[in-house]
Amino acid sequence: MFIDHSPIIDGGVILISSFLFWIIHVPQYKGVYVAYVIVFMNGLIFALLFYSTGSLIPATLAHAIYNVGIGIYFAHKHIKEQNHPNR
């Protein structure tokens, strides 16, 4: 809808989309400030994937892959903490 008008408009739409992605996802990370930057960068990557391909499929797949990866990371971290509670 807003793609291929001009570089300025396209850039603005990509930044707005990334910001909206950030707003939706930031409450999950209460106080983890590094995560705030990562979430915005993910939104930017996903928006650029959509912009460059014209399809939501690559962005959706990238989001799913990221979610699986972060899920594995936190599951591993949780299991490690359960096995070694004093570390």
PDB file of N, CA and C in Angstrom:
ATOM      1  N   MET A   1       0.818  -1.191   0.000  1.00  0.00           N
ATOM      2  CA  MET A   1       0.000   0.000   0.000  1.00  0.00           C
ATOM      3  C   MET A   1       0.868   1.265   0.000  1.00  0.00           C
ATOM      4  N   PHE A   2       1.885   1.302   0.878  1.00  0.00           N
ATOM      5  CA  PHE A   2       2.737   2.484   0.974  1.00  0.00           C
ATOM      6  C   PHE A   2       4.122   2.238   0.398  1.00  0.00           C
ATOM      7  N   ILE A   3       4.277   1.195  -0.402  1.00  0.00           N
ATOM      8  CA  ILE A   3       5.606   0.831  -0.892  1.00  0.00           C
ATOM      9  C   ILE A   3       5.808   1.362  -2.304  1.00  0.00           C
ATOM     10  N   ASP A   4       7.039   1.732  -2.601  1.00  0.00           N
ATOM     11  CA  ASP A   4       7.462   2.210  -3.915  1.00  0.00           C
ATOM     12  C   ASP A   4       6.914   3.589  -4.275  1.00  0.00           C
ATOM     13  N   HIS A   5       6.721   4.452  -3.280  1.00  0.00           N
ATOM     14  CA  HIS A   5       6.323   5.830  -3.571  1.00  0.00           C
ATOM     15  C   HIS A   5       7.557   6.701  -3.752  1.00  0.00           C
ATOM     16  N   SER A   6       8.386   6.708  -2.753  1.00  0.00           N
ATOM     17  CA  SER A   6       9.654   7.424  -2.800  1.00  0.00           C
ATOM     18  C   SER A   6      10.515   6.880  -1.672  1.00  0.00           C
ATOM     19  N   PRO A   7      11.817   7.040  -1.779  1.00  0.00           N
ATOM     20  CA  PRO A   7      12.688   6.531  -0.715  1.00  0.00           C
ATOM     21  C   PRO A   7      12.360   7.130   0.659  1.00  0.00           C
ATOM     22  N   ILE A   8      11.966   8.387   0.691  1.00  0.00           N
ATOM     23  CA  ILE A   8      11.654   9.035   1.971  1.00  0.00           C
ATOM     24  C   ILE A   8      10.387   8.438   2.579  1.00  0.00           C
ATOM     25  N   ILE A   9       9.349   8.301   1.772  1.00  0.00           N
ATOM     26  CA  ILE A   9       8.089   7.726   2.277  1.00  0.00           C
ATOM     27  C   ILE A   9       8.302   6.267   2.655  1.00  0.00           C
ATOM     28  N   ASP A  10       8.981   5.507   1.791  1.00  0.00           N
ATOM     29  CA  ASP A  10       9.238   4.100   2.099  1.00  0.00           C
ATOM     30  C   ASP A  10      10.047   3.957   3.386  1.00  0.00           C
ATOM     31  N   GLY A  11      11.080   4.767   3.554  1.00  0.00           N
ATOM     32  CA  GLY A  11      11.879   4.728   4.782  1.00  0.00           C
ATOM     33  C   GLY A  11      11.053   5.072   6.004  1.00  0.00           C
ATOM     34  N   GLY A  12      10.192   6.078   5.866  1.00  0.00           N
ATOM     35  CA  GLY A  12       9.319   6.456   6.977  1.00  0.00           C
ATOM     36  C   GLY A  12       8.358   5.342   7.351  1.00  0.00           C
ATOM     37  N   VAL A  13       7.787   4.703   6.347  1.00  0.00           N
ATOM     38  CA  VAL A  13       6.862   3.598   6.603  1.00  0.00           C
ATOM     39  C   VAL A  13       7.592   2.433   7.272  1.00  0.00           C
ATOM     40  N   ILE A  14       8.800   2.141   6.835  1.00  0.00           N
ATOM     41  CA  ILE A  14       9.585   1.067   7.452  1.00  0.00           C
ATOM     42  C   ILE A  14       9.892   1.402   8.914  1.00  0.00           C
ATOM     43  N   LEU A  15      10.261   2.646   9.192  1.00  0.00           N
ATOM     44  CA  LEU A  15      10.539   3.040  10.586  1.00  0.00           C
ATOM     45  C   LEU A  15       9.284   3.003  11.444  1.00  0.00           C
ATOM     46  N   ILE A  16       8.166   3.455  10.905  1.00  0.00           N
ATOM     47  CA  ILE A  16       6.902   3.422  11.657  1.00  0.00           C
ATOM     48  C   ILE A  16       6.505   1.978  11.942  1.00  0.00           C
ATOM     49  N   SER A  17       6.637   1.116  10.943  1.00  0.00           N
ATOM     50  CA  SER A  17       6.325  -0.304  11.125  1.00  0.00           C
ATOM     51  C   SER A  17       7.212  -0.924  12.199  1.00  0.00           C
ATOM     52  N   SER A  18       8.491  -0.596  12.172  1.00  0.00           N
ATOM     53  CA  SER A  18       9.428  -1.119  13.177  1.00  0.00           C
ATOM     54  C   SER A  18       9.070  -0.609  14.565  1.00  0.00           C
ATOM     55  N   PHE A  19       8.680   0.641  14.652  1.00  0.00           N
ATOM     56  CA  PHE A  19       8.287   1.225  15.937  1.00  0.00           C
ATOM     57  C   PHE A  19       7.020   0.554  16.470  1.00  0.00           C
ATOM     58  N   LEU A  20       6.048   0.295  15.598  1.00  0.00           N
ATOM     59  CA  LEU A  20       4.821  -0.383  16.029  1.00  0.00           C
ATOM     60  C   LEU A  20       5.127  -1.810  16.487  1.00  0.00           C
ATOM     61  N   PHE A  21       6.010  -2.486  15.783  1.00  0.00           N
ATOM     62  CA  PHE A  21       6.453  -3.822  16.203  1.00  0.00           C
ATOM     63  C   PHE A  21       7.075  -3.728  17.595  1.00  0.00           C
ATOM     64  N   TRP A  22       7.897  -2.714  17.801  1.00  0.00           N
ATOM     65  CA  TRP A  22       8.556  -2.501  19.091  1.00  0.00           C
ATOM     66  C   TRP A  22       7.529  -2.281  20.201  1.00  0.00           C
ATOM     67  N   ILE A  23       6.538  -1.427  19.946  1.00  0.00           N
ATOM     68  CA  ILE A  23       5.512  -1.130  20.955  1.00  0.00           C
ATOM     69  C   ILE A  23       4.767  -2.399  21.373  1.00  0.00           C
ATOM     70  N   ILE A  24       4.455  -3.234  20.399  1.00  0.00           N
ATOM     71  CA  ILE A  24       3.707  -4.458  20.686  1.00  0.00           C
ATOM     72  C   ILE A  24       4.543  -5.450  21.498  1.00  0.00           C
ATOM     73  N   HIS A  25       5.837  -5.532  21.238  1.00  0.00           N
ATOM     74  CA  HIS A  25       6.663  -6.564  21.852  1.00  0.00           C
ATOM     75  C   HIS A  25       7.406  -6.124  23.113  1.00  0.00           C
ATOM     76  N   VAL A  26       7.610  -4.853  23.327  1.00  0.00           N
ATOM     77  CA  VAL A  26       8.416  -4.379  24.458  1.00  0.00           C
ATOM     78  C   VAL A  26       7.858  -4.744  25.838  1.00  0.00           C
ATOM     79  N   PRO A  27       6.546  -4.773  26.060  1.00  0.00           N
ATOM     80  CA  PRO A  27       6.080  -5.112  27.421  1.00  0.00           C
ATOM     81  C   PRO A  27       6.560  -6.477  27.926  1.00  0.00           C
ATOM     82  N   GLN A  28       6.924  -7.361  27.040  1.00  0.00           N
ATOM     83  CA  GLN A  28       7.407  -8.683  27.447  1.00  0.00           C
ATOM     84  C   GLN A  28       8.764  -8.613  28.138  1.00  0.00           C
ATOM     85  N   TYR A  29       9.501  -7.548  27.906  1.00  0.00           N
ATOM     86  CA  TYR A  29      10.900  -7.483  28.340  1.00  0.00           C
ATOM     87  C   TYR A  29      11.136  -6.506  29.485  1.00  0.00           C
ATOM     88  N   LYS A  30      10.162  -6.271  30.282  1.00  0.00           N
ATOM     89  CA  LYS A  30      10.191  -5.362  31.430  1.00  0.00           C
ATOM     90  C   LYS A  30      11.591  -5.072  31.983  1.00  0.00           C
ATOM     91  N   GLY A  31      12.149  -3.949  31.598  1.00  0.00           N
ATOM     92  CA  GLY A  31      13.408  -3.494  32.167  1.00  0.00           C
ATOM     93  C   GLY A  31      14.674  -4.069  31.550  1.00  0.00           C
ATOM     94  N   VAL A  32      14.555  -4.953  30.587  1.00  0.00           N
ATOM     95  CA  VAL A  32      15.740  -5.508  29.923  1.00  0.00           C
ATOM     96  C   VAL A  32      16.028  -4.603  28.722  1.00  0.00           C
ATOM     97  N   TYR A  33      16.815  -3.575  28.985  1.00  0.00           N
ATOM     98  CA  TYR A  33      16.982  -2.504  28.001  1.00  0.00           C
ATOM     99  C   TYR A  33      17.679  -2.943  26.722  1.00  0.00           C
ATOM    100  N   VAL A  34      18.570  -3.907  26.804  1.00  0.00           N
ATOM    101  CA  VAL A  34      19.222  -4.421  25.598  1.00  0.00           C
ATOM    102  C   VAL A  34      18.164  -5.048  24.683  1.00  0.00           C
ATOM    103  N   ALA A  35      17.188  -5.713  25.273  1.00  0.00           N
ATOM    104  CA  ALA A  35      16.123  -6.347  24.489  1.00  0.00           C
ATOM    105  C   ALA A  35      15.323  -5.304  23.724  1.00  0.00           C
ATOM    106  N   TYR A  36      15.184  -4.105  24.264  1.00  0.00           N
ATOM    107  CA  TYR A  36      14.435  -3.053  23.563  1.00  0.00           C
ATOM    108  C   TYR A  36      15.073  -2.748  22.205  1.00  0.00           C
ATOM    109  N   VAL A  37      16.381  -2.670  22.184  1.00  0.00           N
ATOM    110  CA  VAL A  37      17.104  -2.398  20.934  1.00  0.00           C
ATOM    111  C   VAL A  37      16.972  -3.587  19.988  1.00  0.00           C
ATOM    112  N   ILE A  38      17.130  -4.802  20.531  1.00  0.00           N
ATOM    113  CA  ILE A  38      17.027  -6.005  19.711  1.00  0.00           C
ATOM    114  C   ILE A  38      15.646  -6.122  19.085  1.00  0.00           C
ATOM    115  N   VAL A  39      14.608  -5.828  19.858  1.00  0.00           N
ATOM    116  CA  VAL A  39      13.240  -5.900  19.331  1.00  0.00           C
ATOM    117  C   VAL A  39      13.049  -4.902  18.193  1.00  0.00           C
ATOM    118  N   PHE A  40      13.539  -3.690  18.368  1.00  0.00           N
ATOM    119  CA  PHE A  40      13.410  -2.699  17.288  1.00  0.00           C
ATOM    120  C   PHE A  40      14.175  -3.154  16.050  1.00  0.00           C
ATOM    121  N   MET A  41      15.378  -3.683  16.244  1.00  0.00           N
ATOM    122  CA  MET A  41      16.172  -4.157  15.108  1.00  0.00           C
ATOM    123  C   MET A  41      15.473  -5.315  14.398  1.00  0.00           C
ATOM    124  N   ASN A  42      14.864  -6.208  15.165  1.00  0.00           N
ATOM    125  CA  ASN A  42      14.098  -7.292  14.547  1.00  0.00           C
ATOM    126  C   ASN A  42      12.955  -6.731  13.716  1.00  0.00           C
ATOM    127  N   GLY A  43      12.231  -5.775  14.255  1.00  0.00           N
ATOM    128  CA  GLY A  43      11.154  -5.147  13.505  1.00  0.00           C
ATOM    129  C   GLY A  43      11.662  -4.515  12.219  1.00  0.00           C
ATOM    130  N   LEU A  44      12.818  -3.888  12.301  1.00  0.00           N
ATOM    131  CA  LEU A  44      13.423  -3.278  11.117  1.00  0.00           C
ATOM    132  C   LEU A  44      13.785  -4.341  10.080  1.00  0.00           C
ATOM    133  N   ILE A  45      14.371  -5.434  10.536  1.00  0.00           N
ATOM    134  CA  ILE A  45      14.726  -6.528   9.625  1.00  0.00           C
ATOM    135  C   ILE A  45      13.483  -7.119   8.975  1.00  0.00           C
ATOM    136  N   PHE A  46      12.450  -7.356   9.769  1.00  0.00           N
ATOM    137  CA  PHE A  46      11.230  -7.944   9.225  1.00  0.00           C
ATOM    138  C   PHE A  46      10.562  -6.992   8.231  1.00  0.00           C
ATOM    139  N   ALA A  47      10.559  -5.705   8.540  1.00  0.00           N
ATOM    140  CA  ALA A  47       9.986  -4.723   7.615  1.00  0.00           C
ATOM    141  C   ALA A  47      10.782  -4.660   6.317  1.00  0.00           C
ATOM    142  N   LEU A  48      12.105  -4.723   6.426  1.00  0.00           N
ATOM    143  CA  LEU A  48      12.945  -4.709   5.225  1.00  0.00           C
ATOM    144  C   LEU A  48      12.764  -5.977   4.392  1.00  0.00           C
ATOM    145  N   LEU A  49      12.548  -7.099   5.063  1.00  0.00           N
ATOM    146  CA  LEU A  49      12.256  -8.331   4.326  1.00  0.00           C
ATOM    147  C   LEU A  49      10.960  -8.185   3.524  1.00  0.00           C
ATOM    148  N   PHE A  50       9.949  -7.627   4.166  1.00  0.00           N
ATOM    149  CA  PHE A  50       8.694  -7.406   3.455  1.00  0.00           C
ATOM    150  C   PHE A  50       8.893  -6.414   2.313  1.00  0.00           C
ATOM    151  N   TYR A  51       9.594  -5.343   2.590  1.00  0.00           N
ATOM    152  CA  TYR A  51       9.821  -4.300   1.584  1.00  0.00           C
ATOM    153  C   TYR A  51      10.576  -4.848   0.375  1.00  0.00           C
ATOM    154  N   SER A  52      11.590  -5.664   0.634  1.00  0.00           N
ATOM    155  CA  SER A  52      12.419  -6.155  -0.469  1.00  0.00           C
ATOM    156  C   SER A  52      11.767  -7.287  -1.257  1.00  0.00           C
ATOM    157  N   THR A  53      10.851  -8.047  -0.626  1.00  0.00           N
ATOM    158  CA  THR A  53      10.233  -9.177  -1.319  1.00  0.00           C
ATOM    159  C   THR A  53       8.795  -8.908  -1.751  1.00  0.00           C
ATOM    160  N   GLY A  54       8.119  -7.979  -1.071  1.00  0.00           N
ATOM    161  CA  GLY A  54       6.712  -7.727  -1.360  1.00  0.00           C
ATOM    162  C   GLY A  54       5.793  -8.799  -0.803  1.00  0.00           C
ATOM    163  N   SER A  55       6.330  -9.667   0.048  1.00  0.00           N
ATOM    164  CA  SER A  55       5.552 -10.773   0.619  1.00  0.00           C
ATOM    165  C   SER A  55       5.774 -10.818   2.131  1.00  0.00           C
ATOM    166  N   LEU A  56       4.738 -11.190   2.856  1.00  0.00           N
ATOM    167  CA  LEU A  56       4.868 -11.350   4.306  1.00  0.00           C
ATOM    168  C   LEU A  56       5.519 -12.670   4.695  1.00  0.00           C
ATOM    169  N   ILE A  57       5.575 -13.615   3.769  1.00  0.00           N
ATOM    170  CA  ILE A  57       6.093 -14.945   4.090  1.00  0.00           C
ATOM    171  C   ILE A  57       7.535 -14.910   4.602  1.00  0.00           C
ATOM    172  N   PRO A  58       8.482 -14.239   3.938  1.00  0.00           N
ATOM    173  CA  PRO A  58       9.858 -14.214   4.481  1.00  0.00           C
ATOM    174  C   PRO A  58       9.939 -13.581   5.873  1.00  0.00           C
ATOM    175  N   ALA A  59       9.205 -12.507   6.094  1.00  0.00           N
ATOM    176  CA  ALA A  59       9.222 -11.857   7.408  1.00  0.00           C
ATOM    177  C   ALA A  59       8.601 -12.760   8.470  1.00  0.00           C
ATOM    178  N   THR A  60       7.528 -13.453   8.111  1.00  0.00           N
ATOM    179  CA  THR A  60       6.878 -14.368   9.048  1.00  0.00           C
ATOM    180  C   THR A  60       7.794 -15.533   9.385  1.00  0.00           C
ATOM    181  N   LEU A  61       8.453 -16.080   8.376  1.00  0.00           N
ATOM    182  CA  LEU A  61       9.399 -17.174   8.622  1.00  0.00           C
ATOM    183  C   LEU A  61      10.572 -16.712   9.479  1.00  0.00           C
ATOM    184  N   ALA A  62      11.090 -15.526   9.202  1.00  0.00           N
ATOM    185  CA  ALA A  62      12.194 -14.991  10.006  1.00  0.00           C
ATOM    186  C   ALA A  62      11.759 -14.805  11.460  1.00  0.00           C
ATOM    187  N   HIS A  63      10.550 -14.304  11.660  1.00  0.00           N
ATOM    188  CA  HIS A  63      10.015 -14.113  13.009  1.00  0.00           C
ATOM    189  C   HIS A  63       9.887 -15.465  13.707  1.00  0.00           C
ATOM    190  N   ALA A  64       9.374 -16.472  13.007  1.00  0.00           N
ATOM    191  CA  ALA A  64       9.214 -17.804  13.595  1.00  0.00           C
ATOM    192  C   ALA A  64      10.568 -18.412  13.949  1.00  0.00           C
ATOM    193  N   ILE A  65      11.546 -18.278  13.058  1.00  0.00           N
ATOM    194  CA  ILE A  65      12.882 -18.804  13.323  1.00  0.00           C
ATOM    195  C   ILE A  65      13.504 -18.108  14.530  1.00  0.00           C
ATOM    196  N   TYR A  66      13.335 -16.803  14.616  1.00  0.00           N
ATOM    197  CA  TYR A  66      13.850 -16.059  15.771  1.00  0.00           C
ATOM    198  C   TYR A  66      13.182 -16.558  17.057  1.00  0.00           C
ATOM    199  N   ASN A  67      11.853 -16.718  17.018  1.00  0.00           N
ATOM    200  CA  ASN A  67      11.132 -17.174  18.209  1.00  0.00           C
ATOM    201  C   ASN A  67      11.593 -18.555  18.652  1.00  0.00           C
ATOM    202  N   VAL A  68      11.788 -19.465  17.708  1.00  0.00           N
ATOM    203  CA  VAL A  68      12.278 -20.804  18.049  1.00  0.00           C
ATOM    204  C   VAL A  68      13.676 -20.698  18.656  1.00  0.00           C
ATOM    205  N   GLY A  69      14.531 -19.912  18.041  1.00  0.00           N
ATOM    206  CA  GLY A  69      15.892 -19.749  18.556  1.00  0.00           C
ATOM    207  C   GLY A  69      15.924 -19.174  19.960  1.00  0.00           C
ATOM    208  N   ILE A  70      15.144 -18.146  20.204  1.00  0.00           N
ATOM    209  CA  ILE A  70      15.133 -17.525  21.530  1.00  0.00           C
ATOM    210  C   ILE A  70      14.487 -18.461  22.549  1.00  0.00           C
ATOM    211  N   GLY A  71      13.506 -19.239  22.103  1.00  0.00           N
ATOM    212  CA  GLY A  71      12.880 -20.235  22.976  1.00  0.00           C
ATOM    213  C   GLY A  71      13.865 -21.307  23.393  1.00  0.00           C
ATOM    214  N   ILE A  72      14.665 -21.790  22.451  1.00  0.00           N
ATOM    215  CA  ILE A  72      15.687 -22.791  22.757  1.00  0.00           C
ATOM    216  C   ILE A  72      16.726 -22.212  23.714  1.00  0.00           C
ATOM    217  N   TYR A  73      17.132 -20.976  23.465  1.00  0.00           N
ATOM    218  CA  TYR A  73      18.116 -20.326  24.338  1.00  0.00           C
ATOM    219  C   TYR A  73      17.604 -20.260  25.781  1.00  0.00           C
ATOM    220  N   PHE A  74      16.366 -19.774  25.964  1.00  0.00           N
ATOM    221  CA  PHE A  74      15.850 -19.626  27.323  1.00  0.00           C
ATOM    222  C   PHE A  74      15.535 -20.975  27.965  1.00  0.00           C
ATOM    223  N   ALA A  75      15.112 -21.954  27.171  1.00  0.00           N
ATOM    224  CA  ALA A  75      14.885 -23.292  27.722  1.00  0.00           C
ATOM    225  C   ALA A  75      16.204 -23.880  28.211  1.00  0.00           C
ATOM    226  N   HIS A  76      17.256 -23.728  27.406  1.00  0.00           N
ATOM    227  CA  HIS A  76      18.581 -24.218  27.796  1.00  0.00           C
ATOM    228  C   HIS A  76      19.061 -23.506  29.066  1.00  0.00           C
ATOM    229  N   LYS A  77      18.872 -22.202  29.098  1.00  0.00           N
ATOM    230  CA  LYS A  77      19.285 -21.419  30.270  1.00  0.00           C
ATOM    231  C   LYS A  77      18.520 -21.862  31.513  1.00  0.00           C
ATOM    232  N   HIS A  78      17.228 -22.110  31.376  1.00  0.00           N
ATOM    233  CA  HIS A  78      16.403 -22.546  32.507  1.00  0.00           C
ATOM    234  C   HIS A  78      16.846 -23.921  33.003  1.00  0.00           C
ATOM    235  N   ILE A  79      17.084 -24.844  32.074  1.00  0.00           N
ATOM    236  CA  ILE A  79      17.530 -26.184  32.457  1.00  0.00           C
ATOM    237  C   ILE A  79      18.884 -26.116  33.158  1.00  0.00           C
ATOM    238  N   LYS A  80      19.778 -25.295  32.637  1.00  0.00           N
ATOM    239  CA  LYS A  80      21.106 -25.129  33.245  1.00  0.00           C
ATOM    240  C   LYS A  80      20.979 -24.582  34.671  1.00  0.00           C
ATOM    241  N   GLU A  81      20.084 -23.611  34.868  1.00  0.00           N
ATOM    242  CA  GLU A  81      19.882 -23.036  36.202  1.00  0.00           C
ATOM    243  C   GLU A  81      19.261 -24.057  37.154  1.00  0.00           C
ATOM    244  N   GLN A  82      18.398 -24.930  36.643  1.00  0.00           N
ATOM    245  CA  GLN A  82      17.791 -25.955  37.472  1.00  0.00           C
ATOM    246  C   GLN A  82      18.836 -26.990  37.929  1.00  0.00           C
ATOM    247  N   ASN A  83      19.789 -27.304  37.054  1.00  0.00           N
ATOM    248  CA  ASN A  83      20.816 -28.289  37.379  1.00  0.00           C
ATOM    249  C   ASN A  83      21.925 -27.728  38.242  1.00  0.00           C
ATOM    250  N   HIS A  84      22.153 -26.423  38.161  1.00  0.00           N
ATOM    251  CA  HIS A  84      23.213 -25.753  38.930  1.00  0.00           C
ATOM    252  C   HIS A  84      22.658 -24.472  39.543  1.00  0.00           C
ATOM    253  N   PRO A  85      21.827 -24.581  40.581  1.00  0.00           N
ATOM    254  CA  PRO A  85      21.142 -23.398  41.117  1.00  0.00           C
ATOM    255  C   PRO A  85      22.055 -22.339  41.731  1.00  0.00           C
ATOM    256  N   ASN A  86      23.258 -22.674  42.133  1.00  0.00           N
ATOM    257  CA  ASN A  86      24.134 -21.691  42.776  1.00  0.00           C
ATOM    258  C   ASN A  86      25.014 -20.939  41.813  1.00  0.00           C
ATOM    259  N   ARG A  87      24.932 -21.190  40.529  1.00  0.00           N
ATOM    260  CA  ARG A  87      25.791 -20.514  39.565  1.00  0.00           C
ATOM    261  C   ARG A  87      25.139 -19.314  38.994  1.00  0.00           C
TER     262      ARG A  87
END
